[in-house]
Amino acid sequence: MIKTSTNYDMVKYIYNELEENENEKFKLNTYTDGSLEKEVESFLEVKELLDKSFEKPSEFVINKIKKFSCSVMK
């Protein structure tokens, strides 16, 4: 069997970074290839977990970064 999709394609697909025609082809491939569909679902689960684990920096940290940036730009 020839592999038509790569992991890179899947990552681009779940982050909506494929061109429109590539996106449609990839989506069609997921409908016709059950193993590809399962792989995409796995990637989506990982993406969801990564999104949940992202921590927003505190206001204090943001202000320190801004202050430092301003001092370097002078």
Foldseek 3Di string as FASTA:
>chain_A
DDDPDDVVLLVCQLVVNDDPVSNVVLVVVCVVDVVSVVVSVVVNVVVVVVVVPDDDDDPVVVVVVVVVVVVVVD
